[in-house]
Amino acid sequence: MQNTYVMKKAVVVSIIFLFVGLASFSSVGKIIGKESATTNYDGNTLYVGGDGPGNYTSIQLAIFNASDGDTIYVYSGTYVENLNVFRKLTFIGEDKETTIIDGNASGNVVSVSVDWIDISGFTIRNGVIGVLLDGKMQNSSVSYNIIKENSQHGLRVMGQSDYNIVYGNIITDNGEEGISFAGFCDYNVIAENVISNNHNGTVLQAFAYGEITGNTFEDNAEYGLCLVLWCNENRISQNNFLSNGRDAFHFTSVLNRWSRNYWNRPRIFPKAILGSIGIIPWFNFDLIPAKIPHQQDDNSIAVLDTSMGVMKIELYNSKVPFTVENFIQLAHSGFFDGLVFHRVVDDFVIQGGGYFPDGSHKESPYGTIDLEIHPDIRHVDGAISMARTSDPNSATSQFFICDGRQKHLDDEYAAFGRVIVGLDVLGDIASVDTTSKHGLQDWPVEEVVINSVTIIN
């Protein structure tokens, strides 16, 4: 059985070489400039502010007139509003420094009561809570915003909210918590944020199976990061803890993995993190603390919407810029829409980016890219990487996502990102029944279609 499994992997490695084709990604994401602001509704985009005739003057009015799946693009300006978001929308601010939503100190600035919300590019300030995800929220992202000067929380996520992303924000000068997750929230990601000058930086309650990585917790009055009651199985890595009242504390939350965090100064020996189980003192340990502060990466997120669910993928812009730029260019062009995962092998990879459901091939308009390898990017579970022929510099658009760690692919293929939300979707796709179809092996019996790829930032 073991030999058969190894042989199957070897065959598929060869297939990645031989049948890469010349295809590409797709996306519903598009770059919108002021020259587009000639109407208040352009396809699925509603415009607020700007000079276009018919543009909305109120973000809330645009929400009332939108449909699920629409984008609301907001030009720079100050909008004094308390938003009630009840449709599944994408909000894009023109510039996070100058596109301001001000709560007028009279309530929550943005209150969200539905799933599938993306908010990026705003300053969100002067409310009770800056952004409230009001319970049982799924698959939403709050990214690349400035959230500041709210009397209670910068961002608060209520109970049973899973698979959400808080990424790349500056969250500062809020009266209570910068970030607060309250009650049985699983598989969420808090990454690459600067969380500073709040009373508490981040307080998590019953927060499990999450990722807290690449953040800077700085000058928060009481705690930088506090885990309260049944916060277990989280990965807490590569964060900077700088000059907080207490950098980190855990209460009845013992089964977490702390690694490579920077704790105010260079450290050679493991860092003990004080906590308790009930009244009993208990320590967690960062066994390999960082010797220098981490530099935060300006990474993008790709939202890969498939017929079996959504995966959100962090792209490593700074480490493999040419490979990521190729992916983003293809995504912005809408190349992926309607393509399929044409090769699926359980416990190995799912591969797409080259074929339509009828087996016809789609070719990238941008040509080949050179092999780009970074020693810190490995083919871990959920890694996305470029497929190619036997020529190392032949990758175009086809990609594969690793189902499980694939160490033998390291330094041979150009890995350029990793699934941070949706590993369950990856596993579901990897386990579908396959057959030989259109002259290719391991084609799913029932098509797994890529609906769209959207790039955040």
Protein backbone atom coordinates (compact mmCIF):
# COMPACT_ATOMS: atom_id res chain seq x y z
CA MET A 1 0.00 0.00 0.00
CA GLN A 2 2.81 2.40 0.89
CA ASN A 3 4.64 1.66 -2.36
CA THR A 4 1.46 2.28 -4.36
CA TYR A 5 0.99 5.62 -2.63
CA VAL A 6 4.58 6.70 -3.31
CA MET A 7 4.28 5.64 -6.96
CA LYS A 8 1.07 7.64 -7.32
CA LYS A 9 2.80 10.74 -5.99
CA ALA A 10 5.69 10.22 -8.39
CA VAL A 11 3.28 9.92 -11.31
CA VAL A 12 1.54 13.15 -10.34
CA VAL A 13 4.86 15.00 -9.98
CA SER A 14 5.57 13.95 -13.54
CA ILE A 15 2.10 15.08 -14.61
CA ILE A 16 2.72 18.52 -13.14
CA PHE A 17 5.78 18.70 -15.40
CA LEU A 18 4.16 17.29 -18.52
CA PHE A 19 0.67 18.72 -18.59
CA VAL A 20 1.11 22.20 -17.18
CA GLY A 21 -0.17 23.81 -20.40
CA LEU A 22 -0.13 27.54 -20.89
CA ALA A 23 -2.98 28.89 -18.76
CA SER A 24 -3.70 31.43 -16.12
CA PHE A 25 -5.68 32.72 -13.17
CA SER A 26 -8.88 34.71 -13.01
CA SER A 27 -10.45 37.36 -10.87
CA VAL A 28 -13.42 39.54 -10.38
CA GLY A 29 -11.12 42.10 -8.79
CA LYS A 30 -10.52 45.27 -10.78
CA ILE A 31 -8.71 48.54 -10.26
CA ILE A 32 -11.15 51.43 -10.14
CA GLY A 33 -9.99 55.00 -10.72
CA LYS A 34 -11.83 58.28 -10.73
CA GLU A 35 -12.20 58.06 -14.48
CA SER A 36 -14.67 55.22 -13.81
CA ALA A 37 -16.95 57.43 -11.73
CA THR A 38 -19.42 58.29 -14.46
CA THR A 39 -22.37 56.44 -13.01
CA ASN A 40 -23.54 55.24 -9.64
CA TYR A 41 -23.71 51.64 -10.84
CA ASP A 42 -21.14 50.08 -13.12
CA GLY A 43 -21.67 46.34 -13.48
CA ASN A 44 -21.57 45.32 -9.83
CA THR A 45 -19.84 48.44 -8.48
CA LEU A 46 -21.61 51.33 -6.75
CA TYR A 47 -19.64 54.56 -6.27
CA VAL A 48 -19.81 56.93 -3.31
CA GLY A 49 -18.34 60.43 -3.45
CA GLY A 50 -16.09 61.56 -6.28
CA ASP A 51 -17.09 63.64 -9.29
CA GLY A 52 -19.17 61.20 -11.30
CA PRO A 53 -22.75 62.22 -12.07
CA GLY A 54 -25.18 60.16 -10.03
CA ASN A 55 -22.62 58.91 -7.50
CA TYR A 56 -24.02 58.37 -4.03
CA THR A 57 -23.24 60.92 -1.33
CA SER A 58 -23.92 58.43 1.48
CA ILE A 59 -22.37 55.00 2.01
CA GLN A 60 -25.53 53.79 3.75
CA LEU A 61 -27.68 54.82 0.79
CA ALA A 62 -25.40 52.79 -1.48
CA ILE A 63 -25.87 49.80 0.85
CA PHE A 64 -29.65 50.13 0.59
CA ASN A 65 -29.44 50.10 -3.20
CA ALA A 66 -26.87 47.29 -3.51
CA SER A 67 -27.42 43.58 -4.00
CA ASP A 68 -25.50 40.68 -2.46
CA GLY A 69 -22.10 40.34 -4.09
CA ASP A 70 -21.78 43.98 -5.15
CA THR A 71 -18.79 46.24 -4.51
CA ILE A 72 -19.11 49.71 -2.97
CA TYR A 73 -16.18 51.92 -3.92
CA VAL A 74 -15.80 55.04 -1.77
CA TYR A 75 -13.75 58.04 -2.87
CA SER A 76 -11.67 60.07 -0.42
CA GLY A 77 -13.63 62.29 1.94
CA THR A 78 -15.13 62.28 5.42
CA TYR A 79 -18.44 60.44 5.78
CA VAL A 80 -20.17 61.01 9.13
CA GLU A 81 -22.28 57.86 9.30
CA ASN A 82 -23.14 54.85 11.45
CA LEU A 83 -23.35 52.06 8.91
CA ASN A 84 -25.67 49.07 9.12
CA VAL A 85 -24.38 46.41 6.73
CA PHE A 86 -27.05 43.81 5.98
CA ARG A 87 -25.97 42.69 2.48
CA LYS A 88 -22.96 40.61 1.41
CA LEU A 89 -20.73 43.35 0.01
CA THR A 90 -17.15 44.37 -0.65
CA PHE A 91 -16.22 47.87 0.55
CA ILE A 92 -13.14 49.54 -0.95
CA GLY A 93 -11.87 52.94 0.16
CA GLU A 94 -9.80 55.00 -2.25
CA ASP A 95 -7.09 55.72 0.35
CA LYS A 96 -7.10 54.55 3.94
CA GLU A 97 -5.59 57.85 5.13
CA THR A 98 -8.18 60.06 3.46
CA THR A 99 -11.32 57.90 3.12
CA ILE A 100 -12.79 58.41 6.58
CA ILE A 101 -15.94 57.00 8.17
CA ASP A 102 -16.63 58.97 11.34
CA GLY A 103 -19.14 57.66 13.87
CA ASN A 104 -19.72 61.08 15.43
CA ALA A 105 -19.29 59.50 18.89
CA SER A 106 -22.92 58.38 18.69
CA GLY A 107 -22.78 54.62 18.07
CA ASN A 108 -20.87 51.90 16.27
CA VAL A 109 -19.22 53.10 13.09
CA VAL A 110 -19.75 49.90 11.07
CA SER A 111 -22.15 47.19 12.29
CA VAL A 112 -22.24 44.00 10.24
CA SER A 113 -25.00 41.40 10.50
CA VAL A 114 -24.26 39.16 7.47
CA ASP A 115 -21.47 36.88 6.26
CA TRP A 116 -19.10 37.48 3.34
CA ILE A 117 -18.15 41.09 4.04
CA ASP A 118 -14.82 42.59 2.96
CA ILE A 119 -13.81 46.02 4.24
CA SER A 120 -10.52 47.62 3.17
CA GLY A 121 -9.00 51.03 2.60
CA PHE A 122 -10.71 53.19 5.25
CA THR A 123 -10.07 55.17 8.40
CA ILE A 124 -12.82 54.06 10.80
CA ARG A 125 -12.96 56.33 13.83
CA ASN A 126 -14.84 58.09 16.60
CA GLY A 127 -17.53 55.56 17.42
CA VAL A 128 -18.31 53.28 20.33
CA ILE A 129 -17.04 50.27 18.36
CA GLY A 130 -15.21 50.82 15.11
CA VAL A 131 -16.24 47.59 13.37
CA LEU A 132 -18.69 45.13 14.93
CA LEU A 133 -19.20 41.67 13.42
CA ASP A 134 -22.35 40.88 15.34
CA GLY A 135 -22.29 37.14 15.95
CA LYS A 136 -22.10 34.01 13.78
CA MET A 137 -20.18 35.84 11.04
CA GLN A 138 -18.32 33.68 8.52
CA ASN A 139 -15.76 34.29 5.78
CA SER A 140 -15.39 38.04 6.22
CA SER A 141 -12.25 40.16 6.13
CA VAL A 142 -11.25 43.50 7.59
CA SER A 143 -7.95 44.50 6.00
CA TYR A 144 -5.69 47.48 5.34
CA ASN A 145 -7.72 49.95 7.41
CA ILE A 146 -6.91 52.44 10.15
CA ILE A 147 -9.27 51.82 13.08
CA LYS A 148 -8.77 54.39 15.80
CA GLU A 149 -10.17 56.58 18.54
CA ASN A 150 -13.27 54.53 19.33
CA SER A 151 -14.47 54.70 22.94
CA GLN A 152 -14.68 50.92 23.40
CA HIS A 153 -13.30 48.49 20.82
CA GLY A 154 -11.57 49.02 17.54
CA LEU A 155 -12.84 45.70 16.14
CA ARG A 156 -15.19 43.39 18.02
CA VAL A 157 -16.24 39.97 16.76
CA MET A 158 -19.07 38.27 18.61
CA GLY A 159 -19.58 34.56 19.28
CA GLN A 160 -19.51 31.63 16.87
CA SER A 161 -17.84 33.64 14.12
CA ASP A 162 -15.47 31.45 12.12
CA TYR A 163 -13.07 31.71 9.15
CA ASN A 164 -12.63 35.48 9.28
CA ILE A 165 -9.49 37.52 8.55
CA VAL A 166 -8.19 40.62 10.32
CA TYR A 167 -5.18 41.59 8.24
CA GLY A 168 -2.81 44.50 7.75
CA ASN A 169 -4.73 47.07 9.82
CA ILE A 170 -3.46 49.85 12.06
CA ILE A 171 -5.59 49.65 15.21
CA THR A 172 -4.74 52.36 17.70
CA ASP A 173 -5.95 54.64 20.49
CA ASN A 174 -9.17 52.75 21.26
CA GLY A 175 -10.57 53.00 24.79
CA GLU A 176 -10.80 49.29 25.59
CA GLU A 177 -9.59 46.54 23.22
CA GLY A 178 -8.00 47.13 19.86
CA ILE A 179 -9.29 43.69 18.78
CA SER A 180 -11.80 41.60 20.72
CA PHE A 181 -13.16 38.15 19.84
CA ALA A 182 -15.85 37.09 22.29
CA GLY A 183 -16.92 33.48 22.54
CA PHE A 184 -16.33 30.28 20.56
CA CYS A 185 -14.75 31.70 17.40
CA ASP A 186 -12.74 29.14 15.41
CA TYR A 187 -10.31 29.19 12.48
CA ASN A 188 -9.88 32.96 12.41
CA VAL A 189 -6.72 34.79 11.32
CA ILE A 190 -5.22 37.89 12.95
CA ALA A 191 -2.12 38.79 10.94
CA GLU A 192 0.22 41.65 10.05
CA ASN A 193 -1.65 44.26 12.12
CA VAL A 194 -0.12 47.08 14.18
CA ILE A 195 -2.08 47.16 17.44
CA SER A 196 -0.90 50.04 19.62
CA ASN A 197 -1.87 52.51 22.34
CA ASN A 198 -5.14 50.78 23.25
CA HIS A 199 -6.08 49.86 26.81
CA ASN A 200 -5.68 46.20 25.77
CA GLY A 201 -4.19 45.28 22.43
CA THR A 202 -6.09 42.07 21.72
CA VAL A 203 -8.35 40.02 23.99
CA LEU A 204 -9.57 36.64 22.77
CA GLN A 205 -12.18 34.51 24.52
CA ALA A 206 -12.80 30.87 23.48
CA PHE A 207 -10.79 31.48 20.31
CA ALA A 208 -9.52 28.20 18.84
CA TYR A 209 -7.63 26.80 15.82
CA GLY A 210 -6.59 30.31 14.81
CA GLU A 211 -3.50 32.07 13.55
CA ILE A 212 -2.06 35.11 15.33
CA THR A 213 1.01 35.92 13.31
CA GLY A 214 3.11 38.83 12.14
CA ASN A 215 1.42 41.42 14.37
CA THR A 216 3.04 44.20 16.37
CA PHE A 217 1.56 44.71 19.86
CA GLU A 218 3.03 47.98 21.12
CA ASP A 219 2.44 50.41 24.00
CA ASN A 220 -0.92 48.95 25.02
CA ALA A 221 -1.65 49.98 28.60
CA GLU A 222 -2.57 46.61 30.12
CA TYR A 223 -2.08 43.56 27.86
CA GLY A 224 -0.62 43.21 24.41
CA LEU A 225 -2.35 39.84 23.88
CA CYS A 226 -4.64 38.12 26.39
CA LEU A 227 -6.16 34.66 25.88
CA VAL A 228 -9.15 34.00 28.13
CA LEU A 229 -11.01 30.71 28.68
CA TRP A 230 -10.53 27.82 26.27
CA CYS A 231 -8.33 29.51 23.70
CA ASN A 232 -6.63 26.39 22.41
CA GLU A 233 -4.80 25.03 19.37
CA ASN A 234 -3.79 28.46 18.12
CA ARG A 235 -0.50 29.26 16.39
CA ILE A 236 1.04 32.43 17.82
CA SER A 237 4.19 33.19 15.86
CA GLN A 238 6.46 35.93 14.54
CA ASN A 239 4.71 38.71 16.46
CA ASN A 240 6.48 41.69 18.03
CA PHE A 241 5.67 42.46 21.67
CA LEU A 242 6.97 45.94 22.51
CA SER A 243 6.50 47.94 25.72
CA ASN A 244 3.03 46.76 26.71
CA GLY A 245 1.88 46.82 30.35
CA ARG A 246 2.09 43.03 30.15
CA ASP A 247 3.00 41.56 26.80
CA ALA A 248 0.92 38.37 26.98
CA PHE A 249 -1.22 36.45 29.44
CA HIS A 250 -3.32 33.29 29.23
CA PHE A 251 -6.11 32.12 31.52
CA THR A 252 -7.28 28.50 31.21
CA SER A 253 -5.84 28.45 27.70
CA VAL A 254 -2.89 26.08 27.64
CA LEU A 255 -2.75 24.22 24.32
CA ASN A 256 -1.29 26.90 22.09
CA ARG A 257 1.93 26.98 20.04
CA TRP A 258 4.10 30.03 20.67
CA SER A 259 7.11 30.40 18.39
CA ARG A 260 9.59 32.96 17.07
CA ASN A 261 7.96 35.97 18.69
CA TYR A 262 10.07 38.99 19.63
CA TRP A 263 9.75 39.96 23.29
CA ASN A 264 11.08 43.51 23.79
CA ARG A 265 14.72 42.49 23.55
CA PRO A 266 16.93 39.80 21.98
CA ARG A 267 16.61 36.48 23.79
CA ILE A 268 18.71 33.34 23.65
CA PHE A 269 16.73 31.18 26.06
CA PRO A 270 13.00 30.27 25.85
CA LYS A 271 10.56 32.95 26.92
CA ALA A 272 8.17 31.99 29.73
CA ILE A 273 4.64 33.34 29.31
CA LEU A 274 2.82 33.61 32.60
CA GLY A 275 -0.77 32.44 32.91
CA SER A 276 -3.01 30.32 35.08
CA ILE A 277 -5.45 27.45 35.12
CA GLY A 278 -8.05 28.69 37.53
CA ILE A 279 -6.00 29.84 40.52
CA ILE A 280 -3.03 27.64 39.67
CA PRO A 281 -0.12 29.48 37.99
CA TRP A 282 0.76 27.98 34.63
CA PHE A 283 3.43 28.81 32.07
CA ASN A 284 3.49 28.54 28.31
CA PHE A 285 6.83 28.86 26.52
CA ASP A 286 8.08 30.40 23.32
CA LEU A 287 10.90 27.92 22.83
CA ILE A 288 12.63 29.81 20.02
CA PRO A 289 12.06 33.54 20.58
CA ALA A 290 13.21 35.93 17.86
CA LYS A 291 16.45 37.84 18.37
CA ILE A 292 15.37 40.86 16.31
CA PRO A 293 11.94 42.40 15.64
CA HIS A 294 10.09 41.06 12.65
CA GLN A 295 9.60 43.29 9.64
CA GLN A 296 5.97 43.32 8.61
CA ASP A 297 5.26 42.24 5.05
CA ASP A 298 2.94 44.10 2.70
CA ASN A 299 1.24 40.95 1.50
CA SER A 300 -1.94 40.60 -0.52
CA ILE A 301 -4.80 38.16 -0.04
CA ALA A 302 -6.38 36.20 -2.87
CA VAL A 303 -9.99 35.14 -2.34
CA LEU A 304 -10.43 31.95 -4.38
CA ASP A 305 -14.16 31.27 -4.80
CA THR A 306 -14.91 27.75 -6.02
CA SER A 307 -18.02 25.66 -6.51
CA MET A 308 -17.08 23.83 -3.28
CA GLY A 309 -16.36 26.86 -1.12
CA VAL A 310 -13.92 29.70 -0.61
CA MET A 311 -10.23 29.68 0.22
CA LYS A 312 -8.36 32.83 1.26
CA ILE A 313 -4.69 32.75 0.36
CA GLU A 314 -1.93 35.00 1.65
CA LEU A 315 0.44 35.96 -1.18
CA TYR A 316 4.08 36.66 -0.32
CA ASN A 317 4.57 39.85 -2.32
CA SER A 318 7.91 40.88 -0.85
CA LYS A 319 9.57 37.46 -0.94
CA VAL A 320 8.58 36.31 -4.45
CA PRO A 321 7.46 39.55 -6.13
CA PHE A 322 7.54 38.44 -9.77
CA THR A 323 5.55 35.27 -9.19
CA VAL A 324 2.95 37.09 -7.11
CA GLU A 325 2.71 39.94 -9.60
CA ASN A 326 2.03 37.43 -12.38
CA PHE A 327 -0.75 35.88 -10.30
CA ILE A 328 -2.26 39.25 -9.42
CA GLN A 329 -2.10 40.46 -13.02
CA LEU A 330 -3.91 37.37 -14.19
CA ALA A 331 -6.42 37.67 -11.37
CA HIS A 332 -7.24 41.30 -12.16
CA SER A 333 -7.78 40.36 -15.82
CA GLY A 334 -10.58 37.92 -14.92
CA PHE A 335 -8.64 35.03 -16.42
CA PHE A 336 -9.74 32.36 -13.91
CA ASP A 337 -13.48 32.74 -14.13
CA GLY A 338 -15.03 29.44 -15.17
CA LEU A 339 -11.85 27.36 -15.20
CA VAL A 340 -11.66 24.11 -13.21
CA PHE A 341 -9.36 22.14 -10.99
CA HIS A 342 -8.42 19.66 -13.67
CA ARG A 343 -6.09 17.45 -11.63
CA VAL A 344 -6.83 16.34 -8.07
CA VAL A 345 -4.85 13.83 -6.00
CA ASP A 346 -5.80 13.31 -2.37
CA ASP A 347 -2.98 13.97 0.13
CA PHE A 348 -0.93 15.60 -2.61
CA VAL A 349 -2.21 18.54 -4.71
CA ILE A 350 -5.16 20.13 -6.44
CA GLN A 351 -4.17 21.78 -9.73
CA GLY A 352 -5.98 24.37 -11.81
CA GLY A 353 -5.58 27.42 -13.96
CA GLY A 354 -5.51 25.90 -17.43
CA TYR A 355 -8.73 24.19 -18.53
CA PHE A 356 -12.44 24.81 -18.96
CA PRO A 357 -14.98 22.15 -17.91
CA ASP A 358 -15.21 20.86 -21.51
CA GLY A 359 -11.48 20.14 -21.56
CA SER A 360 -10.53 23.05 -23.79
CA HIS A 361 -7.28 24.73 -22.85
CA LYS A 362 -6.82 28.39 -21.90
CA GLU A 363 -3.51 30.10 -22.50
CA SER A 364 -2.03 32.93 -20.46
CA PRO A 365 -1.68 36.18 -22.40
CA TYR A 366 1.39 37.14 -20.38
CA GLY A 367 3.84 34.36 -21.30
CA THR A 368 6.25 32.51 -19.07
CA ILE A 369 7.94 33.61 -15.85
CA ASP A 370 11.31 32.60 -14.43
CA LEU A 371 11.50 30.18 -11.52
CA GLU A 372 11.54 32.21 -8.29
CA ILE A 373 12.46 30.37 -5.09
CA HIS A 374 12.63 31.78 -1.57
CA PRO A 375 14.21 29.65 1.17
CA ASP A 376 11.58 30.67 3.75
CA ILE A 377 8.63 29.53 1.62
CA ARG A 378 8.08 25.79 1.81
CA HIS A 379 5.45 23.48 0.37
CA VAL A 380 3.51 23.20 3.62
CA ASP A 381 -0.12 22.15 3.88
CA GLY A 382 -2.09 24.76 1.93
CA ALA A 383 0.89 26.20 0.03
CA ILE A 384 0.10 27.52 -3.45
CA SER A 385 2.80 27.03 -6.06
CA MET A 386 3.33 27.35 -9.81
CA ALA A 387 3.09 24.30 -12.05
CA ARG A 388 5.51 24.06 -14.98
CA THR A 389 7.08 21.76 -17.56
CA SER A 390 10.55 20.24 -17.19
CA ASP A 391 11.93 23.68 -18.06
CA PRO A 392 12.25 25.50 -14.71
CA ASN A 393 11.35 28.81 -16.37
CA SER A 394 8.19 27.65 -18.13
CA ALA A 395 5.45 28.49 -15.58
CA THR A 396 2.61 30.63 -16.90
CA SER A 397 -0.71 30.37 -15.07
CA GLN A 398 -1.35 26.85 -13.85
CA PHE A 399 -0.94 26.48 -10.12
CA PHE A 400 -1.36 23.79 -7.52
CA ILE A 401 -2.28 23.87 -3.84
CA CYS A 402 -0.68 21.33 -1.52
CA ASP A 403 -2.97 18.98 0.38
CA GLY A 404 -0.54 18.19 3.20
CA ARG A 405 3.19 18.94 3.47
CA GLN A 406 5.05 18.16 0.21
CA LYS A 407 8.69 18.53 1.19
CA HIS A 408 10.00 16.94 -2.02
CA LEU A 409 8.69 19.91 -4.03
CA ASP A 410 10.75 22.47 -2.08
CA ASP A 411 13.30 24.38 -4.16
CA GLU A 412 11.93 22.80 -7.34
CA TYR A 413 8.69 24.73 -7.73
CA ALA A 414 7.83 28.38 -7.05
CA ALA A 415 5.66 28.43 -3.93
CA PHE A 416 4.27 31.93 -3.47
CA GLY A 417 1.56 31.83 -0.81
CA ARG A 418 -0.47 29.76 1.63
CA VAL A 419 -4.13 29.11 2.42
CA ILE A 420 -4.96 30.91 5.67
CA VAL A 421 -8.72 30.33 5.62
CA GLY A 422 -10.39 27.37 3.93
CA LEU A 423 -8.14 24.38 4.55
CA ASP A 424 -11.36 22.41 5.00
CA VAL A 425 -12.40 23.43 1.47
CA LEU A 426 -8.99 22.34 0.19
CA GLY A 427 -9.46 18.96 1.87
CA ASP A 428 -12.95 18.56 0.42
CA ILE A 429 -11.72 19.27 -3.11
CA ALA A 430 -8.73 16.96 -2.69
CA SER A 431 -10.98 14.05 -1.72
CA VAL A 432 -13.41 14.16 -4.67
CA ASP A 433 -13.72 11.15 -6.97
CA THR A 434 -11.62 11.41 -10.12
CA THR A 435 -11.37 9.72 -13.51
CA SER A 436 -9.57 10.02 -16.83
CA LYS A 437 -11.22 12.69 -18.96
CA HIS A 438 -10.24 14.90 -21.91
CA GLY A 439 -6.98 12.97 -22.20
CA LEU A 440 -5.90 13.78 -18.64
CA GLN A 441 -5.77 11.64 -15.52
CA ASP A 442 -7.14 12.57 -12.07
CA TRP A 443 -9.86 14.84 -13.49
CA PRO A 444 -12.78 15.19 -10.98
CA VAL A 445 -15.87 13.19 -11.92
CA GLU A 446 -17.97 16.24 -10.98
CA GLU A 447 -16.36 19.49 -12.07
CA VAL A 448 -14.83 21.73 -9.39
CA VAL A 449 -15.18 25.19 -10.92
CA ILE A 450 -13.20 28.32 -10.05
CA ASN A 451 -15.87 31.00 -9.97
CA SER A 452 -13.50 33.90 -9.38
CA VAL A 453 -10.25 35.06 -7.82
CA THR A 454 -10.40 38.42 -6.06
CA ILE A 455 -7.29 40.23 -4.86
CA ILE A 456 -7.44 42.27 -1.64
CA ASN A 457 -4.86 45.10 -1.62
